């Protein structure tokens, strides 16, 4: 699978991914002499950066961080490449000074520790040779301030028993919005739904499969739902309650993204 982002620092690198889910400061976050991660909040304390593809949402902290990155590279203990969701100046300058290939505008939530990753800082791409893409839609249905969750049947192919929103695979060059409407009709029996917003694709992993999730928000005319075989239970919940449920990967991010777009539209 190849992800297209934005090249920040030129060059090509290949290595094993080290992924954290929180912003990172190189000042205090990594030992400048050894490249060992010190920050326990990352969930990766004592991991080594040297030779790895370091993926994290974005940098933070003091501008001294740029020189820490440069020093790590000069000592041979820095990362082979950097992948960010959104580059900020400290990390970008450090990567350029150090000659570390860097790409941003990548949803790092779809990367996992242990992935083989290839970065092309000139073309702005990140390749995952061991991962295959599967495009899907996820439809958040809203009615009176509540959203619909459904619990997946034991008969479906993935994430049995997990809570989800209405979802389905995109076939070929099918229009995602058309697929979203079709899935709602098939899985709930609802008609007359009204489109409100969509959000940029979100990447969710299941082993060697990368689900490229196209999120949509529709308003439903009622809460009278008729489930088909794909789901066994449904609940209309307040969005802030989603953390109480065992959901499919990254569902809270999908819900937050479309609700935010719905407020902005």
C-alpha atoms as a PDB file:
ATOM      1  CA  UNK A   1       0.000   0.000   0.000  1.00  0.00           C
ATOM      2  CA  UNK A   2       1.252   3.473  -0.859  1.00  0.00           C
ATOM      3  CA  UNK A   3       0.133   6.552   1.098  1.00  0.00           C
ATOM      4  CA  UNK A   4       0.504   9.948  -0.515  1.00  0.00           C
ATOM      5  CA  UNK A   5       1.421  12.863   1.715  1.00  0.00           C
ATOM      6  CA  UNK A   6       3.777  15.844   1.527  1.00  0.00           C
ATOM      7  CA  UNK A   7       7.531  15.680   1.343  1.00  0.00           C
ATOM      8  CA  UNK A   8       9.248  17.735   4.060  1.00  0.00           C
ATOM      9  CA  UNK A   9      12.873  16.546   3.951  1.00  0.00           C
ATOM     10  CA  UNK A  10      14.205  14.886   0.820  1.00  0.00           C
ATOM     11  CA  UNK A  11      15.702  11.440   0.498  1.00  0.00           C
ATOM     12  CA  UNK A  12      14.692   7.790   0.671  1.00  0.00           C
ATOM     13  CA  UNK A  13      14.641   5.558   3.734  1.00  0.00           C
ATOM     14  CA  UNK A  14      13.426   2.083   4.598  1.00  0.00           C
ATOM     15  CA  UNK A  15      13.118   0.584   8.044  1.00  0.00           C
ATOM     16  CA  UNK A  16      10.928  -0.906  10.740  1.00  0.00           C
ATOM     17  CA  UNK A  17       8.273   1.400  12.142  1.00  0.00           C
ATOM     18  CA  UNK A  18       8.270   2.749  15.672  1.00  0.00           C
ATOM     19  CA  UNK A  19       4.837   4.329  16.164  1.00  0.00           C
ATOM     20  CA  UNK A  20       3.470   6.445  19.003  1.00  0.00           C
ATOM     21  CA  UNK A  21       0.009   7.986  19.200  1.00  0.00           C
ATOM     22  CA  UNK A  22       0.855  11.215  21.035  1.00  0.00           C
ATOM     23  CA  UNK A  23       2.841  14.364  20.114  1.00  0.00           C
ATOM     24  CA  UNK A  24       6.573  14.066  20.814  1.00  0.00           C
ATOM     25  CA  UNK A  25       9.265  16.427  22.057  1.00  0.00           C
ATOM     26  CA  UNK A  26      12.860  15.528  21.252  1.00  0.00           C
ATOM     27  CA  UNK A  27      13.935  17.729  24.169  1.00  0.00           C
ATOM     28  CA  UNK A  28      13.546  15.451  27.176  1.00  0.00           C
ATOM     29  CA  UNK A  29      11.737  12.828  25.115  1.00  0.00           C
ATOM     30  CA  UNK A  30      14.859  11.098  23.819  1.00  0.00           C
ATOM     31  CA  UNK A  31      18.356  10.613  25.201  1.00  0.00           C
ATOM     32  CA  UNK A  32      20.542  12.790  22.939  1.00  0.00           C
ATOM     33  CA  UNK A  33      23.512  10.443  23.336  1.00  0.00           C
ATOM     34  CA  UNK A  34      21.837   7.097  22.650  1.00  0.00           C
ATOM     35  CA  UNK A  35      18.534   7.849  20.900  1.00  0.00           C
ATOM     36  CA  UNK A  36      16.626   5.964  23.606  1.00  0.00           C
ATOM     37  CA  UNK A  37      13.058   7.161  24.189  1.00  0.00           C
ATOM     38  CA  UNK A  38      12.675   8.542  27.719  1.00  0.00           C
ATOM     39  CA  UNK A  39       9.095   9.833  27.751  1.00  0.00           C
ATOM     40  CA  UNK A  40       6.869   7.223  29.428  1.00  0.00           C
ATOM     41  CA  UNK A  41       3.739   8.976  28.133  1.00  0.00           C
ATOM     42  CA  UNK A  42       4.581   7.748  24.633  1.00  0.00           C
ATOM     43  CA  UNK A  43       4.099   4.124  25.627  1.00  0.00           C
ATOM     44  CA  UNK A  44       7.501   3.449  24.058  1.00  0.00           C
ATOM     45  CA  UNK A  45       9.984   4.258  26.805  1.00  0.00           C
ATOM     46  CA  UNK A  46      13.369   2.498  26.390  1.00  0.00           C
ATOM     47  CA  UNK A  47      12.810   1.928  22.676  1.00  0.00           C
ATOM     48  CA  UNK A  48      15.684   2.976  20.404  1.00  0.00           C
ATOM     49  CA  UNK A  49      15.176   5.358  17.477  1.00  0.00           C
ATOM     50  CA  UNK A  50      18.293   4.473  15.524  1.00  0.00           C
ATOM     51  CA  UNK A  51      17.610   3.066  12.081  1.00  0.00           C
ATOM     52  CA  UNK A  52      13.836   3.042  12.541  1.00  0.00           C
ATOM     53  CA  UNK A  53      11.020   4.925  10.848  1.00  0.00           C
ATOM     54  CA  UNK A  54       9.638   7.120  13.611  1.00  0.00           C
ATOM     55  CA  UNK A  55       5.916   7.882  13.170  1.00  0.00           C
ATOM     56  CA  UNK A  56       4.006  10.232  15.488  1.00  0.00           C
ATOM     57  CA  UNK A  57       1.220  12.845  15.090  1.00  0.00           C
ATOM     58  CA  UNK A  58       3.374  15.976  15.394  1.00  0.00           C
ATOM     59  CA  UNK A  59       6.180  17.515  17.372  1.00  0.00           C
ATOM     60  CA  UNK A  60       6.018  19.801  20.374  1.00  0.00           C
ATOM     61  CA  UNK A  61       8.291  21.613  22.817  1.00  0.00           C
ATOM     62  CA  UNK A  62      11.372  23.800  22.603  1.00  0.00           C
ATOM     63  CA  UNK A  63      13.057  24.861  19.361  1.00  0.00           C
ATOM     64  CA  UNK A  64      16.178  23.206  20.767  1.00  0.00           C
ATOM     65  CA  UNK A  65      14.532  20.015  19.522  1.00  0.00           C
ATOM     66  CA  UNK A  66      15.769  20.759  15.999  1.00  0.00           C
ATOM     67  CA  UNK A  67      19.365  20.562  17.206  1.00  0.00           C
ATOM     68  CA  UNK A  68      18.652  17.414  19.208  1.00  0.00           C
ATOM     69  CA  UNK A  69      17.492  15.725  15.997  1.00  0.00           C
ATOM     70  CA  UNK A  70      20.628  16.958  14.211  1.00  0.00           C
ATOM     71  CA  UNK A  71      22.817  15.652  17.048  1.00  0.00           C
ATOM     72  CA  UNK A  72      21.123  12.251  17.038  1.00  0.00           C
ATOM     73  CA  UNK A  73      21.798  11.894  13.324  1.00  0.00           C
ATOM     74  CA  UNK A  74      25.457  12.937  13.673  1.00  0.00           C
ATOM     75  CA  UNK A  75      25.981  10.326  16.409  1.00  0.00           C
ATOM     76  CA  UNK A  76      24.342   7.643  14.271  1.00  0.00           C
ATOM     77  CA  UNK A  77      21.519   7.049  16.746  1.00  0.00           C
ATOM     78  CA  UNK A  78      18.722   9.008  15.078  1.00  0.00           C
ATOM     79  CA  UNK A  79      15.734   7.677  13.144  1.00  0.00           C
ATOM     80  CA  UNK A  80      16.178   6.617   9.523  1.00  0.00           C
ATOM     81  CA  UNK A  81      13.020   8.523   8.602  1.00  0.00           C
ATOM     82  CA  UNK A  82      10.155  10.493  10.133  1.00  0.00           C
ATOM     83  CA  UNK A  83       6.435  10.330   9.356  1.00  0.00           C
ATOM     84  CA  UNK A  84       3.992  12.863  10.806  1.00  0.00           C
ATOM     85  CA  UNK A  85       0.312  13.597  10.476  1.00  0.00           C
ATOM     86  CA  UNK A  86       1.121  17.313  10.567  1.00  0.00           C
ATOM     87  CA  UNK A  87       4.673  18.601  10.529  1.00  0.00           C
ATOM     88  CA  UNK A  88       5.557  21.534  12.752  1.00  0.00           C
ATOM     89  CA  UNK A  89       8.641  23.687  12.456  1.00  0.00           C
ATOM     90  CA  UNK A  90      10.833  22.118  15.129  1.00  0.00           C
ATOM     91  CA  UNK A  91      10.798  18.594  13.689  1.00  0.00           C
ATOM     92  CA  UNK A  92      10.802  19.793  10.078  1.00  0.00           C
ATOM     93  CA  UNK A  93      13.896  21.958  10.551  1.00  0.00           C
ATOM     94  CA  UNK A  94      15.637  19.195  12.496  1.00  0.00           C
ATOM     95  CA  UNK A  95      14.954  16.623   9.790  1.00  0.00           C
ATOM     96  CA  UNK A  96      16.210  18.948   7.051  1.00  0.00           C
ATOM     97  CA  UNK A  97      19.382  19.829   8.996  1.00  0.00           C
ATOM     98  CA  UNK A  98      20.027  16.171   9.782  1.00  0.00           C
ATOM     99  CA  UNK A  99      19.259  14.866   6.303  1.00  0.00           C
ATOM    100  CA  UNK A 100      16.535  12.569   7.624  1.00  0.00           C
ATOM    101  CA  UNK A 101      13.811  11.890   5.015  1.00  0.00           C
ATOM    102  CA  UNK A 102      10.468  13.145   6.304  1.00  0.00           C
ATOM    103  CA  UNK A 103       6.873  13.042   5.042  1.00  0.00           C
ATOM    104  CA  UNK A 104       3.741  14.481   6.626  1.00  0.00           C
ATOM    105  CA  UNK A 105      -0.005  14.599   5.838  1.00  0.00           C
ATOM    106  CA  UNK A 106      -0.056  10.862   6.645  1.00  0.00           C
ATOM    107  CA  UNK A 107      -2.631   9.399   9.024  1.00  0.00           C
ATOM    108  CA  UNK A 108      -0.163   7.713  11.376  1.00  0.00           C
ATOM    109  CA  UNK A 109      -3.063   5.977  13.120  1.00  0.00           C
ATOM    110  CA  UNK A 110      -2.905   3.434  10.308  1.00  0.00           C
ATOM    111  CA  UNK A 111       0.744   2.502  10.965  1.00  0.00           C
ATOM    112  CA  UNK A 112       1.764  -0.151  13.465  1.00  0.00           C
ATOM    113  CA  UNK A 113       4.956  -1.044  15.281  1.00  0.00           C
ATOM    114  CA  UNK A 114       6.880  -3.597  13.285  1.00  0.00           C
ATOM    115  CA  UNK A 115       5.636  -2.497   9.856  1.00  0.00           C
ATOM    116  CA  UNK A 116       8.226  -2.308   7.126  1.00  0.00           C
ATOM    117  CA  UNK A 117       8.025   1.274   5.858  1.00  0.00           C
ATOM    118  CA  UNK A 118       9.562   2.985   2.850  1.00  0.00           C
ATOM    119  CA  UNK A 119       9.691   6.789   2.799  1.00  0.00           C
ATOM    120  CA  UNK A 120      10.299   8.921  -0.264  1.00  0.00           C
ATOM    121  CA  UNK A 121      10.765  12.490   0.922  1.00  0.00           C
ATOM    122  CA  UNK A 122      11.040  13.799  -2.631  1.00  0.00           C
ATOM    123  CA  UNK A 123       7.731  12.363  -3.816  1.00  0.00           C
ATOM    124  CA  UNK A 124       5.992  12.668  -0.453  1.00  0.00           C
ATOM    125  CA  UNK A 125       5.015   8.997  -0.253  1.00  0.00           C
ATOM    126  CA  UNK A 126       5.018   6.325   2.430  1.00  0.00           C
ATOM    127  CA  UNK A 127       4.860   2.718   1.262  1.00  0.00           C
ATOM    128  CA  UNK A 128       3.845  -0.291   3.358  1.00  0.00           C
ATOM    129  CA  UNK A 129       4.871  -3.296   1.250  1.00  0.00           C
ATOM    130  CA  UNK A 130       3.299  -5.864   3.590  1.00  0.00           C
ATOM    131  CA  UNK A 131      -0.100  -4.172   3.821  1.00  0.00           C
ATOM    132  CA  UNK A 132      -3.086  -4.245   1.455  1.00  0.00           C
ATOM    133  CA  UNK A 133      -5.753  -1.543   1.217  1.00  0.00           C
ATOM    134  CA  UNK A 134      -9.491  -2.138   1.591  1.00  0.00           C
ATOM    135  CA  UNK A 135     -11.713   0.922   0.990  1.00  0.00           C
ATOM    136  CA  UNK A 136     -14.906   1.088   3.064  1.00  0.00           C
ATOM    137  CA  UNK A 137     -17.586   3.574   4.096  1.00  0.00           C
ATOM    138  CA  UNK A 138     -18.611   4.307   7.679  1.00  0.00           C
ATOM    139  CA  UNK A 139     -21.917   6.121   8.107  1.00  0.00           C
ATOM    140  CA  UNK A 140     -22.760   8.004  11.289  1.00  0.00           C
ATOM    141  CA  UNK A 141     -26.542   8.325  11.513  1.00  0.00           C
ATOM    142  CA  UNK A 142     -27.782  11.124  13.770  1.00  0.00           C
ATOM    143  CA  UNK A 143     -31.227  11.790  15.197  1.00  0.00           C
ATOM    144  CA  UNK A 144     -32.046  14.313  17.904  1.00  0.00           C
ATOM    145  CA  UNK A 145     -28.457  14.619  19.094  1.00  0.00           C
ATOM    146  CA  UNK A 146     -27.908  10.864  19.320  1.00  0.00           C
ATOM    147  CA  UNK A 147     -26.011   8.601  16.943  1.00  0.00           C
ATOM    148  CA  UNK A 148     -26.671   5.011  15.950  1.00  0.00           C
ATOM    149  CA  UNK A 149     -24.357   2.201  17.029  1.00  0.00           C
ATOM    150  CA  UNK A 150     -24.826  -1.358  15.816  1.00  0.00           C
ATOM    151  CA  UNK A 151     -23.228  -4.537  17.145  1.00  0.00           C
ATOM    152  CA  UNK A 152     -21.736  -6.719  14.459  1.00  0.00           C
ATOM    153  CA  UNK A 153     -23.080 -10.210  13.882  1.00  0.00           C
ATOM    154  CA  UNK A 154     -21.093 -13.438  14.421  1.00  0.00           C
ATOM    155  CA  UNK A 155     -21.693 -14.059  10.683  1.00  0.00           C
ATOM    156  CA  UNK A 156     -19.682 -11.110   9.355  1.00  0.00           C
ATOM    157  CA  UNK A 157     -16.098 -11.445   8.216  1.00  0.00           C
ATOM    158  CA  UNK A 158     -14.394  -8.979  10.569  1.00  0.00           C
ATOM    159  CA  UNK A 159     -14.726  -7.548  14.080  1.00  0.00           C
ATOM    160  CA  UNK A 160     -17.513  -9.901  15.163  1.00  0.00           C
ATOM    161  CA  UNK A 161     -19.337  -8.679  18.234  1.00  0.00           C
ATOM    162  CA  UNK A 162     -17.799  -5.203  18.115  1.00  0.00           C
ATOM    163  CA  UNK A 163     -19.861  -2.031  18.027  1.00  0.00           C
ATOM    164  CA  UNK A 164     -19.747   0.002  14.842  1.00  0.00           C
ATOM    165  CA  UNK A 165     -21.711   2.427  12.718  1.00  0.00           C
ATOM    166  CA  UNK A 166     -23.258   1.427   9.406  1.00  0.00           C
ATOM    167  CA  UNK A 167     -20.454   0.285   7.125  1.00  0.00           C
ATOM    168  CA  UNK A 168     -19.644  -1.550   3.923  1.00  0.00           C
ATOM    169  CA  UNK A 169     -16.967  -2.192   1.336  1.00  0.00           C
ATOM    170  CA  UNK A 170     -16.535   0.036  -1.714  1.00  0.00           C
ATOM    171  CA  UNK A 171     -16.532  -1.992  -4.907  1.00  0.00           C
ATOM    172  CA  UNK A 172     -14.210  -0.982  -7.752  1.00  0.00           C
ATOM    173  CA  UNK A 173     -14.682   2.670  -8.724  1.00  0.00           C
ATOM    174  CA  UNK A 174     -17.972   2.968  -6.914  1.00  0.00           C
ATOM    175  CA  UNK A 175     -18.865   6.405  -5.535  1.00  0.00           C
ATOM    176  CA  UNK A 176     -18.421   6.279  -1.731  1.00  0.00           C
ATOM    177  CA  UNK A 177     -21.476   8.446  -1.022  1.00  0.00           C
ATOM    178  CA  UNK A 178     -23.704   6.204  -3.138  1.00  0.00           C
ATOM    179  CA  UNK A 179     -22.370   3.146  -1.305  1.00  0.00           C
ATOM    180  CA  UNK A 180     -23.041   4.868   2.036  1.00  0.00           C
ATOM    181  CA  UNK A 181     -26.707   5.483   1.169  1.00  0.00           C
ATOM    182  CA  UNK A 182     -27.104   1.911  -0.066  1.00  0.00           C
ATOM    183  CA  UNK A 183     -25.616   0.463   3.135  1.00  0.00           C
ATOM    184  CA  UNK A 184     -27.976   2.519   5.299  1.00  0.00           C
ATOM    185  CA  UNK A 185     -31.009   1.248   3.393  1.00  0.00           C
ATOM    186  CA  UNK A 186     -29.850  -2.378   3.515  1.00  0.00           C
ATOM    187  CA  UNK A 187     -28.741  -2.457   7.160  1.00  0.00           C
ATOM    188  CA  UNK A 188     -31.407  -0.250   8.791  1.00  0.00           C
ATOM    189  CA  UNK A 189     -34.378  -0.006   6.417  1.00  0.00           C
ATOM    190  CA  UNK A 190     -34.311   3.779   6.850  1.00  0.00           C
ATOM    191  CA  UNK A 191     -35.341   6.026   3.957  1.00  0.00           C
ATOM    192  CA  UNK A 192     -35.206   9.791   3.629  1.00  0.00           C
ATOM    193  CA  UNK A 193     -31.815  10.255   5.272  1.00  0.00           C
ATOM    194  CA  UNK A 194     -30.199  13.666   4.685  1.00  0.00           C
ATOM    195  CA  UNK A 195     -26.503  14.107   3.928  1.00  0.00           C
ATOM    196  CA  UNK A 196     -24.740  16.507   6.303  1.00  0.00           C
ATOM    197  CA  UNK A 197     -20.968  16.045   5.992  1.00  0.00           C
ATOM    198  CA  UNK A 198     -18.084  13.814   5.073  1.00  0.00           C
ATOM    199  CA  UNK A 199     -14.482  13.797   6.280  1.00  0.00           C
ATOM    200  CA  UNK A 200     -11.076  12.845   4.930  1.00  0.00           C
ATOM    201  CA  UNK A 201     -10.357   9.105   4.911  1.00  0.00           C
ATOM    202  CA  UNK A 202      -9.164   7.563   8.166  1.00  0.00           C
ATOM    203  CA  UNK A 203      -6.890   4.523   8.203  1.00  0.00           C
ATOM    204  CA  UNK A 204      -7.706   1.600  10.500  1.00  0.00           C
ATOM    205  CA  UNK A 205      -5.661  -1.573  10.735  1.00  0.00           C
ATOM    206  CA  UNK A 206      -6.545  -5.226  11.069  1.00  0.00           C
ATOM    207  CA  UNK A 207      -3.255  -7.094  10.742  1.00  0.00           C
ATOM    208  CA  UNK A 208      -2.048  -6.869   7.157  1.00  0.00           C
ATOM    209  CA  UNK A 209      -5.226  -5.098   6.012  1.00  0.00           C
ATOM    210  CA  UNK A 210      -5.532  -1.315   6.002  1.00  0.00           C
ATOM    211  CA  UNK A 211      -9.153  -0.202   6.001  1.00  0.00           C
ATOM    212  CA  UNK A 212      -9.348   3.128   4.179  1.00  0.00           C
ATOM    213  CA  UNK A 213     -12.449   4.464   5.906  1.00  0.00           C
ATOM    214  CA  UNK A 214     -14.548   7.114   4.154  1.00  0.00           C
ATOM    215  CA  UNK A 215     -16.612   8.739   6.953  1.00  0.00           C
ATOM    216  CA  UNK A 216     -20.092  10.209   6.353  1.00  0.00           C
ATOM    217  CA  UNK A 217     -22.682  11.957   8.521  1.00  0.00           C
ATOM    218  CA  UNK A 218     -26.402  11.699   7.691  1.00  0.00           C
ATOM    219  CA  UNK A 219     -29.436  12.847   9.646  1.00  0.00           C
ATOM    220  CA  UNK A 220     -32.025  10.091  10.068  1.00  0.00           C
ATOM    221  CA  UNK A 221     -35.765  10.903  10.002  1.00  0.00           C
ATOM    222  CA  UNK A 222     -36.533   8.475  12.859  1.00  0.00           C
ATOM    223  CA  UNK A 223     -34.996   5.930  15.237  1.00  0.00           C
ATOM    224  CA  UNK A 224     -37.086   3.035  13.971  1.00  0.00           C
ATOM    225  CA  UNK A 225     -34.412   0.670  12.687  1.00  0.00           C
ATOM    226  CA  UNK A 226     -34.857  -2.728  11.027  1.00  0.00           C
ATOM    227  CA  UNK A 227     -31.543  -4.589  11.202  1.00  0.00           C
ATOM    228  CA  UNK A 228     -30.423  -7.105   8.599  1.00  0.00           C
ATOM    229  CA  UNK A 229     -28.165 -10.138   9.194  1.00  0.00           C
ATOM    230  CA  UNK A 230     -24.977  -8.069   9.536  1.00  0.00           C
ATOM    231  CA  UNK A 231     -25.886  -6.664  12.961  1.00  0.00           C
ATOM    232  CA  UNK A 232     -27.637  -8.139  15.987  1.00  0.00           C
ATOM    233  CA  UNK A 233     -28.299  -5.135  18.223  1.00  0.00           C
ATOM    234  CA  UNK A 234     -28.531  -1.357  18.022  1.00  0.00           C
ATOM    235  CA  UNK A 235     -28.474   1.611  20.364  1.00  0.00           C
ATOM    236  CA  UNK A 236     -28.910   5.346  19.920  1.00  0.00           C
ATOM    237  CA  UNK A 237     -26.262   6.964  22.118  1.00  0.00           C
ATOM    238  CA  UNK A 238     -24.873  10.387  22.867  1.00  0.00           C
ATOM    239  CA  UNK A 239     -21.546  10.827  21.018  1.00  0.00           C
ATOM    240  CA  UNK A 240     -19.631  11.294  24.267  1.00  0.00           C
ATOM    241  CA  UNK A 241     -20.732   7.812  25.404  1.00  0.00           C
ATOM    242  CA  UNK A 242     -18.846   5.973  22.666  1.00  0.00           C
ATOM    243  CA  UNK A 243     -15.901   5.276  24.963  1.00  0.00           C
ATOM    244  CA  UNK A 244     -18.093   2.863  26.950  1.00  0.00           C
ATOM    245  CA  UNK A 245     -18.317   0.459  24.028  1.00  0.00           C
ATOM    246  CA  UNK A 246     -15.864  -2.023  22.524  1.00  0.00           C
ATOM    247  CA  UNK A 247     -15.807  -0.673  18.996  1.00  0.00           C
ATOM    248  CA  UNK A 248     -14.149  -1.449  15.691  1.00  0.00           C
ATOM    249  CA  UNK A 249     -10.727   0.232  15.333  1.00  0.00           C
ATOM    250  CA  UNK A 250     -10.724   4.040  15.270  1.00  0.00           C
ATOM    251  CA  UNK A 251     -14.486   4.444  15.413  1.00  0.00           C
ATOM    252  CA  UNK A 252     -14.222   7.336  17.919  1.00  0.00           C
ATOM    253  CA  UNK A 253     -11.979   9.151  15.399  1.00  0.00           C
ATOM    254  CA  UNK A 254     -14.500   8.562  12.596  1.00  0.00           C
ATOM    255  CA  UNK A 255     -17.370   9.912  14.700  1.00  0.00           C
ATOM    256  CA  UNK A 256     -15.409  12.939  15.904  1.00  0.00           C
ATOM    257  CA  UNK A 257     -14.277  13.788  12.369  1.00  0.00           C
ATOM    258  CA  UNK A 258     -17.725  13.863  10.770  1.00  0.00           C
ATOM    259  CA  UNK A 259     -19.394  15.616  13.705  1.00  0.00           C
ATOM    260  CA  UNK A 260     -16.716  18.305  13.510  1.00  0.00           C
ATOM    261  CA  UNK A 261     -17.260  18.690   9.759  1.00  0.00           C
ATOM    262  CA  UNK A 262     -20.995  18.810  10.350  1.00  0.00           C
ATOM    263  CA  UNK A 263     -20.597  21.752  12.731  1.00  0.00           C
ATOM    264  CA  UNK A 264     -18.363  23.567  10.250  1.00  0.00           C
ATOM    265  CA  UNK A 265     -20.605  23.065   7.210  1.00  0.00           C
END
